[in-house]
Amino acid sequence: MENQHFNDIARQFAEEYGSSSGHMFGKACLKINNKAFVALFKGEMVFKLGRQAIESLRETYPESVNWDPSGKGRAMKDWLQLPIAYEADWSMLAKQSLEFVRATL
């Protein structure tokens, strides 16, 4: 699914941080050093933030869920899926996600 804001973030992050675009589980994603840090899933943005950060973000984003790319009840504990209602925060969360993944390299 195409999303202009995702594409804008992809361009910005490629220029500023040297990230690349790719695919993960068949979904468009952004990568740093070949490690995915954000993905687009059903028109929503997914961020790899780590369990602790996700727990603290639940109050701010009550409609968010842990990402379950298979749809089989096997959510990924380090990934948070945010509805398009929070699109204004996607860039900020993508930066946080980039920093989280860089710290694990």
Foldseek 3Di string as FASTA:
>chain_A
DDDVLVVVLQVVCCVPPVWHWDDDPRFIFIGDPNHTAWTADPNWIKGQQAQVVVVVCCVVQVVKDADDPVPPPPGDRRMITGHCVVSVCVNVRSVNSVVVVVVVD
